[in-house]
Amino acid sequence: MEKIIEQAGIPLLIFAVCVYYGMRLLILHDVSAIRGKDKPPVKDEKAYAMGSGKLILFFGAATLVMALLSFVNVYAAVAEIIVCTFIMGVLWKKMNDRYGA
């Protein structure tokens, strides 16, 4: 158990945070949880919450896969999280352009 926490503790913590915020967005539609106070309001709050919630859950799943891959091959785990971060960045930009301010 100590080896698991030592090697995959931070990715598992990131997974838990992503699941919390993703579910909060999908269930409560609380966009203010992820947007700054100085940001203008979004065009469509419900669609923004659904889109961002799905993307955050995608990133949480990617960190969980990274944690599992880190036991097999560290280089594969790093490559996977880099690719998933890039994909999330592109999709987040598209979602923000469509529903954001």
C-alpha atoms as a PDB file:
ATOM      1  CA  MET A   1       0.000   0.000   0.000  1.00  0.00           C
ATOM      2  CA  GLU A   2       2.867   2.373   0.815  1.00  0.00           C
ATOM      3  CA  LYS A   3       4.383   1.860  -2.654  1.00  0.00           C
ATOM      4  CA  ILE A   4       1.055   2.675  -4.315  1.00  0.00           C
ATOM      5  CA  ILE A   5       0.674   5.907  -2.342  1.00  0.00           C
ATOM      6  CA  GLU A   6       4.317   6.795  -2.959  1.00  0.00           C
ATOM      7  CA  GLN A   7       4.191   6.236  -6.708  1.00  0.00           C
ATOM      8  CA  ALA A   8       0.600   7.176  -7.593  1.00  0.00           C
ATOM      9  CA  GLY A   9      -0.499   9.399  -4.710  1.00  0.00           C
ATOM     10  CA  ILE A  10      -0.484  12.728  -6.530  1.00  0.00           C
ATOM     11  CA  PRO A  11      -2.253  11.449  -9.686  1.00  0.00           C
ATOM     12  CA  LEU A  12      -4.901   9.826  -7.473  1.00  0.00           C
ATOM     13  CA  LEU A  13      -5.357  13.109  -5.607  1.00  0.00           C
ATOM     14  CA  ILE A  14      -5.738  14.971  -8.921  1.00  0.00           C
ATOM     15  CA  PHE A  15      -8.255  12.317  -9.994  1.00  0.00           C
ATOM     16  CA  ALA A  16     -10.311  12.927  -6.839  1.00  0.00           C
ATOM     17  CA  VAL A  17     -10.267  16.718  -7.331  1.00  0.00           C
ATOM     18  CA  CYS A  18     -11.296  16.356 -10.986  1.00  0.00           C
ATOM     19  CA  VAL A  19     -14.170  14.046 -10.071  1.00  0.00           C
ATOM     20  CA  TYR A  20     -15.340  16.492  -7.386  1.00  0.00           C
ATOM     21  CA  TYR A  21     -15.357  19.510  -9.687  1.00  0.00           C
ATOM     22  CA  GLY A  22     -16.667  17.567 -12.683  1.00  0.00           C
ATOM     23  CA  MET A  23     -19.628  16.214 -10.725  1.00  0.00           C
ATOM     24  CA  ARG A  24     -20.238  19.618  -9.136  1.00  0.00           C
ATOM     25  CA  LEU A  25     -20.464  21.146 -12.601  1.00  0.00           C
ATOM     26  CA  LEU A  26     -22.624  18.390 -14.059  1.00  0.00           C
ATOM     27  CA  ILE A  27     -25.063  18.180 -11.149  1.00  0.00           C
ATOM     28  CA  LEU A  28     -25.191  21.683  -9.669  1.00  0.00           C
ATOM     29  CA  HIS A  29     -24.220  23.688 -12.802  1.00  0.00           C
ATOM     30  CA  ASP A  30     -22.010  25.830 -10.536  1.00  0.00           C
ATOM     31  CA  VAL A  31     -19.873  27.648 -13.119  1.00  0.00           C
ATOM     32  CA  SER A  32     -18.538  30.071 -10.506  1.00  0.00           C
ATOM     33  CA  ALA A  33     -16.542  27.179  -9.002  1.00  0.00           C
ATOM     34  CA  ILE A  34     -14.115  27.224 -11.929  1.00  0.00           C
ATOM     35  CA  ARG A  35     -14.336  30.797 -13.217  1.00  0.00           C
ATOM     36  CA  GLY A  36     -12.650  33.732 -11.563  1.00  0.00           C
ATOM     37  CA  LYS A  37     -14.567  36.528  -9.879  1.00  0.00           C
ATOM     38  CA  ASP A  38     -13.367  39.085 -12.452  1.00  0.00           C
ATOM     39  CA  LYS A  39     -14.537  37.041 -15.466  1.00  0.00           C
ATOM     40  CA  PRO A  40     -17.674  38.148 -17.331  1.00  0.00           C
ATOM     41  CA  PRO A  41     -20.721  35.859 -17.210  1.00  0.00           C
ATOM     42  CA  VAL A  42     -20.936  33.056 -19.761  1.00  0.00           C
ATOM     43  CA  LYS A  43     -23.390  32.988 -22.692  1.00  0.00           C
ATOM     44  CA  ASP A  44     -25.072  29.703 -21.780  1.00  0.00           C
ATOM     45  CA  GLU A  45     -24.380  28.688 -18.186  1.00  0.00           C
ATOM     46  CA  LYS A  46     -25.962  25.235 -18.357  1.00  0.00           C
ATOM     47  CA  ALA A  47     -24.164  24.232 -21.571  1.00  0.00           C
ATOM     48  CA  TYR A  48     -20.871  25.659 -20.250  1.00  0.00           C
ATOM     49  CA  ALA A  49     -21.261  23.665 -17.033  1.00  0.00           C
ATOM     50  CA  MET A  50     -22.045  20.456 -18.924  1.00  0.00           C
ATOM     51  CA  GLY A  51     -19.161  20.875 -21.361  1.00  0.00           C
ATOM     52  CA  SER A  52     -16.597  21.831 -18.751  1.00  0.00           C
ATOM     53  CA  GLY A  53     -17.800  19.102 -16.382  1.00  0.00           C
ATOM     54  CA  LYS A  54     -17.317  16.445 -19.067  1.00  0.00           C
ATOM     55  CA  LEU A  55     -13.855  17.778 -19.923  1.00  0.00           C
ATOM     56  CA  ILE A  56     -12.783  17.821 -16.284  1.00  0.00           C
ATOM     57  CA  LEU A  57     -14.015  14.246 -15.851  1.00  0.00           C
ATOM     58  CA  PHE A  58     -12.061  13.310 -19.005  1.00  0.00           C
ATOM     59  CA  PHE A  59      -8.916  14.778 -17.449  1.00  0.00           C
ATOM     60  CA  GLY A  60      -9.645  12.933 -14.187  1.00  0.00           C
ATOM     61  CA  ALA A  61      -9.900   9.654 -16.106  1.00  0.00           C
ATOM     62  CA  ALA A  62      -6.636  10.514 -17.877  1.00  0.00           C
ATOM     63  CA  THR A  63      -4.864  11.006 -14.544  1.00  0.00           C
ATOM     64  CA  LEU A  64      -6.244   7.689 -13.296  1.00  0.00           C
ATOM     65  CA  VAL A  65      -4.896   5.950 -16.411  1.00  0.00           C
ATOM     66  CA  MET A  66      -1.591   7.766 -15.870  1.00  0.00           C
ATOM     67  CA  ALA A  67      -1.442   6.462 -12.306  1.00  0.00           C
ATOM     68  CA  LEU A  68      -1.988   2.901 -13.540  1.00  0.00           C
ATOM     69  CA  LEU A  69       0.508   3.286 -16.375  1.00  0.00           C
ATOM     70  CA  SER A  70       3.151   4.564 -13.978  1.00  0.00           C
ATOM     71  CA  PHE A  71       3.402   1.036 -12.548  1.00  0.00           C
ATOM     72  CA  VAL A  72       3.992  -0.415 -16.017  1.00  0.00           C
ATOM     73  CA  ASN A  73       6.095   2.220 -17.790  1.00  0.00           C
ATOM     74  CA  VAL A  74       6.783   5.745 -16.554  1.00  0.00           C
ATOM     75  CA  TYR A  75       7.511   7.054 -20.057  1.00  0.00           C
ATOM     76  CA  ALA A  76       4.165   5.781 -21.333  1.00  0.00           C
ATOM     77  CA  ALA A  77       2.433   7.446 -18.383  1.00  0.00           C
ATOM     78  CA  VAL A  78       4.105  10.796 -19.090  1.00  0.00           C
ATOM     79  CA  ALA A  79       3.339  10.550 -22.816  1.00  0.00           C
ATOM     80  CA  GLU A  80      -0.303   9.709 -22.107  1.00  0.00           C
ATOM     81  CA  ILE A  81      -0.854  12.661 -19.772  1.00  0.00           C
ATOM     82  CA  ILE A  82       0.856  15.057 -22.202  1.00  0.00           C
ATOM     83  CA  VAL A  83      -1.383  13.909 -25.068  1.00  0.00           C
ATOM     84  CA  CYS A  84      -4.514  14.086 -22.895  1.00  0.00           C
ATOM     85  CA  THR A  85      -3.579  17.549 -21.610  1.00  0.00           C
ATOM     86  CA  PHE A  86      -3.162  18.760 -25.187  1.00  0.00           C
ATOM     87  CA  ILE A  87      -6.518  17.236 -26.204  1.00  0.00           C
ATOM     88  CA  MET A  88      -8.226  18.796 -23.197  1.00  0.00           C
ATOM     89  CA  GLY A  89      -6.681  22.191 -23.976  1.00  0.00           C
ATOM     90  CA  VAL A  90      -7.957  22.137 -27.557  1.00  0.00           C
ATOM     91  CA  LEU A  91     -11.433  20.960 -26.538  1.00  0.00           C
ATOM     92  CA  TRP A  92     -11.582  23.495 -23.680  1.00  0.00           C
ATOM     93  CA  LYS A  93     -10.746  26.309 -26.112  1.00  0.00           C
ATOM     94  CA  LYS A  94     -13.529  25.192 -28.461  1.00  0.00           C
ATOM     95  CA  MET A  95     -16.007  24.891 -25.584  1.00  0.00           C
ATOM     96  CA  ASN A  96     -15.043  28.285 -24.162  1.00  0.00           C
ATOM     97  CA  ASP A  97     -15.370  29.946 -27.590  1.00  0.00           C
ATOM     98  CA  ARG A  98     -18.818  28.445 -28.030  1.00  0.00           C
ATOM     99  CA  TYR A  99     -20.350  28.981 -24.568  1.00  0.00           C
ATOM    100  CA  GLY A 100     -17.954  31.347 -22.772  1.00  0.00           C
ATOM    101  CA  ALA A 101     -18.098  35.108 -22.556  1.00  0.00           C
END
